[in-house]
Amino acid sequence: MFGLPPVTQALILVNLAFFFAPALGLPVPINALVLWPLGPYFYPWQLLTYGFLHGGLSHLLFNLFGLYMFGAEVEQVWGTKRFLNYYLFCVVSAALTQLVVSWLMGSGAPTLGASGGVFGLLIAFALLFPNRVIVPLIPPIPMRAPIFVALYGGVELFLGVAGTQGGVAHFAHLGGLAGGYLWIRIWGRGRSGGQRYR
């Protein structure tokens, strides 16, 4: 698929498969796979499975674009095993953050989407390629990758605290970002398949 490395390609295909399976008549037990707050509907596997489900086409495409843009280059540097472990760790760290926030806020709504893993890829990309210039859609201003990630994380924190954008798990995004940063700084200190973090 467009020359993508294997894990990035597989993650994209799995997300597509889960999204389009119901349209093809294949049963997907969505309610058992999304991430429910701690309670009668929560099961441990949801810490991972929620990260392969999406609530709509735009949600899916946005996350797949992030996987395509940032995942491929990170995987090429780290290799398949380390990249997969890192991505799944970010998905779980995002889920744990969301569980804590849901418990504190008394929310009973489920969470789904690959955004936590994608935010983990953002911080990895910024640390691996600190001089790479990114041009976001809004605003279309060129900026270095670490600045882009810092601004994006700041916006997510503001929106999460303000609560002005309902239906979006901003703290899960931040959990993926923070989990990725901790993984890199604690476990992978300075090691990046031949590259050093700058």
Protein backbone atom coordinates (compact mmCIF):
# COMPACT_ATOMS: atom_id res chain seq x y z
CA MET A 1 0.00 0.00 0.00
CA PHE A 2 1.87 3.03 -1.35
CA GLY A 3 5.19 1.63 -0.12
CA LEU A 4 4.26 1.91 3.56
CA PRO A 5 6.24 -0.12 6.13
CA PRO A 6 4.40 -3.24 7.35
CA VAL A 7 3.03 -2.20 10.77
CA THR A 8 1.80 1.19 9.58
CA GLN A 9 0.13 -0.54 6.66
CA ALA A 10 -1.43 -3.19 8.91
CA LEU A 11 -2.77 -0.58 11.36
CA ILE A 12 -4.43 1.32 8.52
CA LEU A 13 -5.97 -1.86 7.09
CA VAL A 14 -7.27 -3.04 10.49
CA ASN A 15 -8.92 0.33 11.14
CA LEU A 16 -10.50 0.24 7.68
CA ALA A 17 -11.69 -3.34 8.21
CA PHE A 18 -13.41 -2.55 11.51
CA PHE A 19 -15.07 0.52 10.03
CA PHE A 20 -16.42 -1.06 6.86
CA ALA A 21 -17.18 -4.56 8.20
CA PRO A 22 -20.79 -3.74 9.24
CA ALA A 23 -21.53 -2.38 5.76
CA LEU A 24 -20.37 -5.72 4.34
CA GLY A 25 -22.69 -7.64 6.66
CA LEU A 26 -19.93 -8.74 9.03
CA PRO A 27 -20.92 -8.42 12.70
CA VAL A 28 -18.71 -6.22 14.88
CA PRO A 29 -19.65 -6.17 18.59
CA ILE A 30 -19.06 -2.42 18.92
CA ASN A 31 -20.48 -2.13 22.44
CA ALA A 32 -18.07 -4.77 23.73
CA LEU A 33 -15.05 -3.20 22.00
CA VAL A 34 -15.37 0.54 22.72
CA LEU A 35 -13.81 1.87 25.93
CA TRP A 36 -16.47 2.15 28.62
CA PRO A 37 -15.84 3.94 31.93
CA LEU A 38 -15.07 1.66 34.86
CA GLY A 39 -18.25 -0.20 35.67
CA PRO A 40 -20.40 -3.08 34.46
CA TYR A 41 -19.67 -2.52 30.75
CA PHE A 42 -15.89 -2.21 31.08
CA TYR A 43 -13.61 -5.11 30.07
CA PRO A 44 -9.79 -5.09 30.03
CA TRP A 45 -9.49 -5.73 26.28
CA GLN A 46 -11.22 -2.42 25.63
CA LEU A 47 -7.94 -0.69 26.55
CA LEU A 48 -6.75 -1.73 23.08
CA THR A 49 -9.80 -2.49 20.96
CA TYR A 50 -11.31 1.01 21.25
CA GLY A 51 -8.30 2.29 19.31
CA PHE A 52 -9.42 0.51 16.14
CA LEU A 53 -12.99 1.83 16.04
CA HIS A 54 -14.28 5.15 14.72
CA GLY A 55 -17.52 7.07 14.98
CA GLY A 56 -17.64 8.39 11.42
CA LEU A 57 -15.80 8.63 8.13
CA SER A 58 -14.14 11.99 8.87
CA HIS A 59 -12.93 10.66 12.24
CA LEU A 60 -11.47 7.60 10.51
CA LEU A 61 -9.81 9.53 7.68
CA PHE A 62 -8.24 12.08 10.01
CA ASN A 63 -6.61 9.36 12.11
CA LEU A 64 -5.52 7.32 9.10
CA PHE A 65 -3.93 10.44 7.62
CA GLY A 66 -1.95 10.86 10.85
CA LEU A 67 -0.86 7.22 10.74
CA TYR A 68 0.22 7.64 7.14
CA MET A 69 2.02 10.95 7.64
CA PHE A 70 3.86 10.25 10.89
CA GLY A 71 3.77 6.50 11.47
CA ALA A 72 5.60 5.48 8.32
CA GLU A 73 8.72 7.54 9.02
CA VAL A 74 8.85 6.62 12.70
CA GLU A 75 8.55 2.92 11.83
CA GLN A 76 11.32 3.22 9.24
CA VAL A 77 13.65 4.53 11.94
CA TRP A 78 12.63 2.22 14.79
CA GLY A 79 11.71 -0.99 12.98
CA THR A 80 8.49 -2.98 13.18
CA LYS A 81 8.63 -4.50 16.68
CA ARG A 82 9.60 -1.36 18.56
CA PHE A 83 7.17 0.75 16.55
CA LEU A 84 4.23 -1.60 17.22
CA ASN A 85 4.99 -1.82 20.94
CA TYR A 86 5.25 1.95 21.16
CA TYR A 87 2.00 2.57 19.28
CA LEU A 88 0.02 0.10 21.39
CA PHE A 89 1.51 1.57 24.57
CA CYS A 90 0.27 5.01 23.51
CA VAL A 91 -3.20 3.60 22.81
CA VAL A 92 -3.29 2.09 26.31
CA SER A 93 -1.89 5.22 28.00
CA ALA A 94 -4.59 7.27 26.26
CA ALA A 95 -7.24 4.79 27.48
CA LEU A 96 -6.02 4.89 31.08
CA THR A 97 -6.03 8.68 31.04
CA GLN A 98 -9.58 8.68 29.69
CA LEU A 99 -10.71 6.24 32.38
CA VAL A 100 -9.35 8.52 35.11
CA VAL A 101 -10.97 11.60 33.58
CA SER A 102 -14.29 9.79 33.10
CA TRP A 103 -14.21 8.67 36.73
CA LEU A 104 -13.41 12.18 38.01
CA MET A 105 -16.11 13.79 35.85
CA GLY A 106 -18.69 11.06 36.40
CA SER A 107 -19.04 10.48 32.66
CA GLY A 108 -20.76 7.35 31.39
CA ALA A 109 -20.00 7.83 27.69
CA PRO A 110 -17.78 5.37 25.82
CA THR A 111 -14.63 6.35 23.93
CA LEU A 112 -13.36 5.14 20.56
CA GLY A 113 -10.77 6.11 17.98
CA ALA A 114 -7.07 5.81 17.15
CA SER A 115 -6.29 9.40 18.16
CA GLY A 116 -4.38 8.44 21.32
CA GLY A 117 -1.98 6.32 19.28
CA VAL A 118 -1.68 9.03 16.61
CA PHE A 119 -0.82 11.65 19.23
CA GLY A 120 1.90 9.32 20.45
CA LEU A 121 3.25 9.22 16.90
CA LEU A 122 3.23 13.02 16.80
CA ILE A 123 5.58 13.33 19.77
CA ALA A 124 7.83 10.56 18.43
CA PHE A 125 8.03 12.30 15.04
CA ALA A 126 8.83 15.64 16.67
CA LEU A 127 11.66 14.15 18.73
CA LEU A 128 13.09 12.14 15.85
CA PHE A 129 12.83 14.93 13.28
CA PRO A 130 13.00 18.21 15.25
CA ASN A 131 13.97 20.27 12.23
CA ARG A 132 11.22 18.94 9.96
CA VAL A 133 8.76 21.66 8.93
CA ILE A 134 5.02 20.93 9.12
CA VAL A 135 2.28 23.05 7.58
CA PRO A 136 -1.01 22.42 9.42
CA LEU A 137 -4.34 22.97 7.73
CA ILE A 138 -5.37 25.56 10.33
CA PRO A 139 -3.50 27.88 10.46
CA PRO A 140 -1.49 27.16 7.26
CA ILE A 141 1.74 28.47 8.80
CA PRO A 142 4.98 26.48 8.40
CA MET A 143 6.48 25.50 11.76
CA ARG A 144 9.02 23.02 13.08
CA ALA A 145 7.59 19.71 14.27
CA PRO A 146 8.23 20.27 18.03
CA ILE A 147 6.50 23.67 17.89
CA PHE A 148 3.54 22.15 16.05
CA VAL A 149 3.18 19.37 18.64
CA ALA A 150 3.50 21.81 21.56
CA LEU A 151 0.83 24.09 20.10
CA TYR A 152 -1.46 21.19 19.25
CA GLY A 153 -1.07 19.77 22.76
CA GLY A 154 -1.81 23.20 24.24
CA VAL A 155 -4.99 23.51 22.20
CA GLU A 156 -6.10 20.03 23.30
CA LEU A 157 -5.48 20.93 26.95
CA PHE A 158 -7.44 24.17 26.62
CA LEU A 159 -10.37 22.46 24.89
CA GLY A 160 -10.37 19.66 27.44
CA VAL A 161 -10.42 22.01 30.42
CA ALA A 162 -12.91 24.41 28.84
CA GLY A 163 -15.20 21.59 27.75
CA THR A 164 -16.35 23.60 24.74
CA GLN A 165 -16.02 20.77 22.20
CA GLY A 166 -18.31 17.98 23.33
CA GLY A 167 -17.89 14.43 22.12
CA VAL A 168 -14.10 14.68 21.74
CA ALA A 169 -11.81 12.88 24.22
CA HIS A 170 -9.18 15.62 24.51
CA PHE A 171 -7.62 14.12 27.61
CA ALA A 172 -7.24 10.77 25.85
CA HIS A 173 -5.28 12.60 23.14
CA LEU A 174 -3.07 14.14 25.81
CA GLY A 175 -2.69 10.73 27.46
CA GLY A 176 -1.32 9.30 24.21
CA LEU A 177 1.02 12.27 23.87
CA ALA A 178 2.27 12.03 27.45
CA GLY A 179 2.59 8.25 27.31
CA GLY A 180 4.67 8.47 24.16
CA TYR A 181 6.94 11.10 25.67
CA LEU A 182 7.50 9.02 28.82
CA TRP A 183 8.18 5.86 26.78
CA ILE A 184 10.82 7.64 24.72
CA ARG A 185 12.50 9.49 27.59
CA ILE A 186 12.52 6.62 30.09
CA TRP A 187 12.73 3.44 28.00
CA GLY A 188 14.33 4.65 24.80
CA ARG A 189 16.62 7.37 26.11
CA GLY A 190 18.72 8.50 23.21
CA ARG A 191 18.18 5.31 21.22
CA SER A 192 16.38 5.61 17.93
CA GLY A 193 17.77 3.01 15.58
CA GLY A 194 20.95 4.95 14.86
CA GLN A 195 19.57 8.46 15.42
CA ARG A 196 19.77 10.49 18.59
CA TYR A 197 17.06 12.79 19.84
CA ARG A 198 18.09 16.40 19.57
